[in-house]
Protein backbone atom coordinates (compact mmCIF):
# COMPACT_ATOMS: atom_id res chain seq x y z
CA MET A 1 24.96 39.64 -130.39
CA GLU A 2 24.44 35.86 -131.39
CA GLU A 3 27.69 34.95 -131.38
CA ARG A 4 27.67 35.03 -127.70
CA LEU A 5 24.40 33.37 -127.53
CA LYS A 6 25.32 30.58 -129.26
CA LYS A 7 27.77 30.26 -126.91
CA ILE A 8 25.74 29.66 -123.52
CA ARG A 9 25.41 26.81 -121.52
CA LEU A 10 23.99 28.44 -118.00
CA LEU A 11 21.29 31.32 -118.04
CA LEU A 12 21.61 32.70 -114.49
CA LEU A 13 18.85 34.93 -112.98
CA ASP A 14 18.26 37.84 -110.47
CA VAL A 15 14.88 36.72 -109.12
CA ASP A 16 13.19 40.02 -107.68
CA GLY A 17 12.80 42.46 -110.76
CA VAL A 18 13.62 39.60 -113.15
CA LEU A 19 11.09 36.93 -112.46
CA THR A 20 9.11 38.94 -110.70
CA ASP A 21 7.79 42.46 -111.32
CA GLY A 22 10.00 43.37 -107.87
CA ARG A 23 7.11 43.94 -105.40
CA ILE A 24 7.22 41.95 -102.83
CA ILE A 25 3.83 41.23 -100.88
CA ILE A 26 3.79 40.72 -97.33
CA ASN A 27 0.19 39.55 -95.17
CA ASP A 28 -0.77 39.96 -91.87
CA ARG A 29 0.91 37.12 -90.65
CA GLY A 30 4.16 38.22 -92.13
CA GLU A 31 4.26 35.33 -95.24
CA GLU A 32 5.62 36.43 -98.29
CA THR A 33 4.13 35.79 -101.79
CA LYS A 34 5.60 36.20 -105.30
CA ALA A 35 4.03 36.76 -108.91
CA PHE A 36 5.80 34.63 -111.67
CA HIS A 37 5.24 34.46 -114.98
CA VAL A 38 4.18 31.28 -116.28
CA ARG A 39 5.69 32.45 -119.85
CA ASP A 40 8.93 33.28 -118.16
CA GLY A 41 9.08 29.31 -116.36
CA HIS A 42 8.07 28.12 -119.48
CA GLY A 43 10.58 29.63 -121.42
CA MET A 44 12.89 28.23 -118.76
CA LYS A 45 11.72 24.75 -119.44
CA LEU A 46 12.43 25.14 -123.30
CA LEU A 47 16.05 25.97 -122.28
CA GLN A 48 16.85 23.31 -120.34
CA ARG A 49 15.21 20.48 -122.78
CA ALA A 50 17.93 22.04 -125.35
CA GLY A 51 20.65 21.62 -122.38
CA VAL A 52 21.05 24.87 -121.23
CA GLN A 53 21.19 25.29 -117.09
CA ILE A 54 19.65 27.40 -115.60
CA GLY A 55 20.43 29.44 -111.55
CA ILE A 56 19.18 32.02 -109.30
CA ILE A 57 21.64 34.33 -107.55
CA THR A 58 19.52 36.31 -105.47
CA GLY A 59 19.98 38.89 -102.28
CA ARG A 60 16.91 37.71 -100.35
CA SER A 61 15.81 34.64 -99.31
CA SER A 62 12.49 33.36 -99.32
CA ARG A 63 10.71 29.68 -99.20
CA VAL A 64 8.35 30.82 -102.34
CA VAL A 65 11.59 31.11 -104.77
CA ALA A 66 12.42 27.94 -103.15
CA HIS A 67 9.17 26.39 -104.03
CA ARG A 68 9.22 27.98 -107.65
CA MET A 69 12.89 26.87 -108.29
CA ARG A 70 11.95 23.03 -107.41
CA GLU A 71 8.89 23.22 -109.81
CA LEU A 72 10.75 24.09 -112.54
CA GLY A 73 13.71 21.84 -111.85
CA VAL A 74 16.57 24.32 -111.32
CA ASP A 75 19.22 23.25 -108.80
CA LEU A 76 21.24 26.18 -108.90
CA VAL A 77 19.99 28.11 -106.36
CA VAL A 78 21.67 30.36 -104.42
CA GLN A 79 19.29 32.69 -101.86
CA GLY A 80 20.31 35.83 -99.24
CA SER A 81 24.14 36.18 -101.19
CA LYS A 82 24.63 40.19 -100.61
CA ASP A 83 27.86 39.89 -102.70
CA LYS A 84 27.03 38.10 -105.52
CA ARG A 85 30.66 37.43 -106.96
CA VAL A 86 31.37 34.61 -104.69
CA PRO A 87 28.32 32.11 -105.33
CA TYR A 88 29.00 33.04 -109.20
CA GLN A 89 32.56 31.95 -108.80
CA GLN A 90 30.77 28.93 -106.44
CA MET A 91 29.00 27.99 -109.62
CA LEU A 92 31.59 28.25 -112.53
CA GLU A 93 33.88 25.71 -110.17
CA GLN A 94 30.90 23.53 -109.51
CA THR A 95 29.69 23.29 -113.53
CA GLY A 96 33.04 23.74 -114.69
CA LEU A 97 32.05 26.22 -117.56
CA GLU A 98 33.94 29.68 -118.10
CA ASP A 99 32.23 33.28 -118.15
CA HIS A 100 31.91 33.36 -121.90
CA GLU A 101 29.39 30.32 -121.35
CA ILE A 102 27.42 32.41 -118.84
CA ALA A 103 24.27 34.75 -119.62
CA TYR A 104 22.86 36.71 -116.55
CA VAL A 105 19.61 38.76 -116.21
CA GLY A 106 19.92 41.10 -113.42
CA ASP A 107 17.47 44.82 -112.87
CA ASP A 108 19.63 46.97 -109.95
CA LEU A 109 23.11 47.79 -109.54
CA VAL A 110 23.86 44.89 -107.18
CA ASP A 111 23.79 42.95 -110.12
CA LEU A 112 26.70 45.30 -112.04
CA PRO A 113 29.58 42.80 -110.64
CA LEU A 114 28.39 40.08 -112.29
CA LEU A 115 26.85 41.72 -115.96
CA ARG A 116 30.85 43.07 -116.12
CA ARG A 117 32.07 39.60 -116.25
CA VAL A 118 29.53 37.28 -118.11
CA GLY A 119 29.33 36.37 -121.92
CA PHE A 120 25.88 38.09 -122.49
CA ALA A 121 24.14 40.30 -119.84
CA ALA A 122 21.10 41.83 -120.40
CA THR A 123 18.34 43.46 -118.02
CA VAL A 124 15.07 43.73 -118.18
CA ALA A 125 12.85 46.84 -119.69
CA ASP A 126 12.74 48.18 -116.22
CA GLY A 127 15.64 47.93 -114.46
CA CYS A 128 18.06 50.37 -113.31
CA ASP A 129 18.83 53.06 -116.09
CA ASP A 130 22.51 52.81 -115.08
CA LEU A 131 22.51 49.49 -115.72
CA LYS A 132 21.58 50.07 -119.78
CA GLU A 133 25.10 51.07 -120.70
CA HIS A 134 26.77 48.22 -119.40
CA VAL A 135 24.79 45.20 -120.86
CA HIS A 136 24.81 43.61 -124.30
CA TYR A 137 21.01 43.55 -124.36
CA VAL A 138 17.47 45.20 -122.68
CA THR A 139 14.42 43.31 -122.77
CA ARG A 140 11.34 44.68 -124.62
CA ARG A 141 9.63 43.18 -121.56
CA PRO A 142 9.61 44.47 -117.87
CA GLY A 143 11.05 42.35 -115.02
CA GLY A 144 8.18 39.25 -114.01
CA MET A 145 6.09 39.81 -116.98
CA GLY A 146 7.97 37.16 -119.82
CA ALA A 147 11.39 39.36 -120.05
CA VAL A 148 13.10 35.93 -118.87
CA ARG A 149 11.13 34.41 -121.69
CA GLU A 150 12.23 36.64 -124.30
CA ILE A 151 16.04 35.59 -123.39
CA CYS A 152 15.37 32.00 -123.36
CA GLU A 153 14.08 32.49 -126.91
CA MET A 154 16.98 34.61 -128.08
CA ILE A 155 19.34 32.05 -126.83
CA LEU A 156 17.44 28.85 -128.45
CA LYS A 157 17.13 30.91 -131.70
CA ALA A 158 21.04 31.76 -131.45
CA ARG A 159 21.86 28.06 -131.12
CA GLY A 160 19.50 26.49 -133.83
CA ALA A 161 17.64 24.50 -131.22
CA TRP A 162 14.03 26.42 -131.25
CA GLU A 163 12.44 24.27 -133.81
CA GLN A 164 14.01 21.17 -132.11
CA VAL A 165 12.24 22.28 -128.33
CA THR A 166 9.01 23.51 -130.09
CA LEU A 167 8.27 21.27 -132.37
CA ARG A 168 5.88 18.72 -130.46
CA TYR A 169 3.43 22.03 -129.85
CA TRP A 170 3.56 22.57 -133.80
CA GLN A 171 2.96 18.48 -134.63
CA ASP A 172 -0.42 17.14 -135.34
């Protein structure tokens, strides 16, 4: 698994159920709200500091997601994609990367085509049971509760970059 993680140059994520707990809260005005875990966001920033790109491919479209991704400096963002293979292929062409350089974290059957293709495939602890036999790793934490941070740390540590990107926190 460590050899796979060392090669990762792009972490792709689903949103609902991976970056969030999968619940969609809609208020009385029809406005959507989602909760994102701050540690997931921090893990994404640490990964970016190490030169690993972050992207999302999600089946739903949401202004909340667009806003959060802007906050995190994520510019590879595709929303409203029912067939994730199409934007995935476009991202490969755009970045010049190959399958073995991509990690993908998904939580449901719609993610299976990408999970079968990438160099490192993961699902969250509370992901669809049918996915768990098709991935390289199942996180200890559920979606929206630090699962993405867990993956980010794994990639950083496998690449030998953890100490470098966290050094400023340990210095006096």
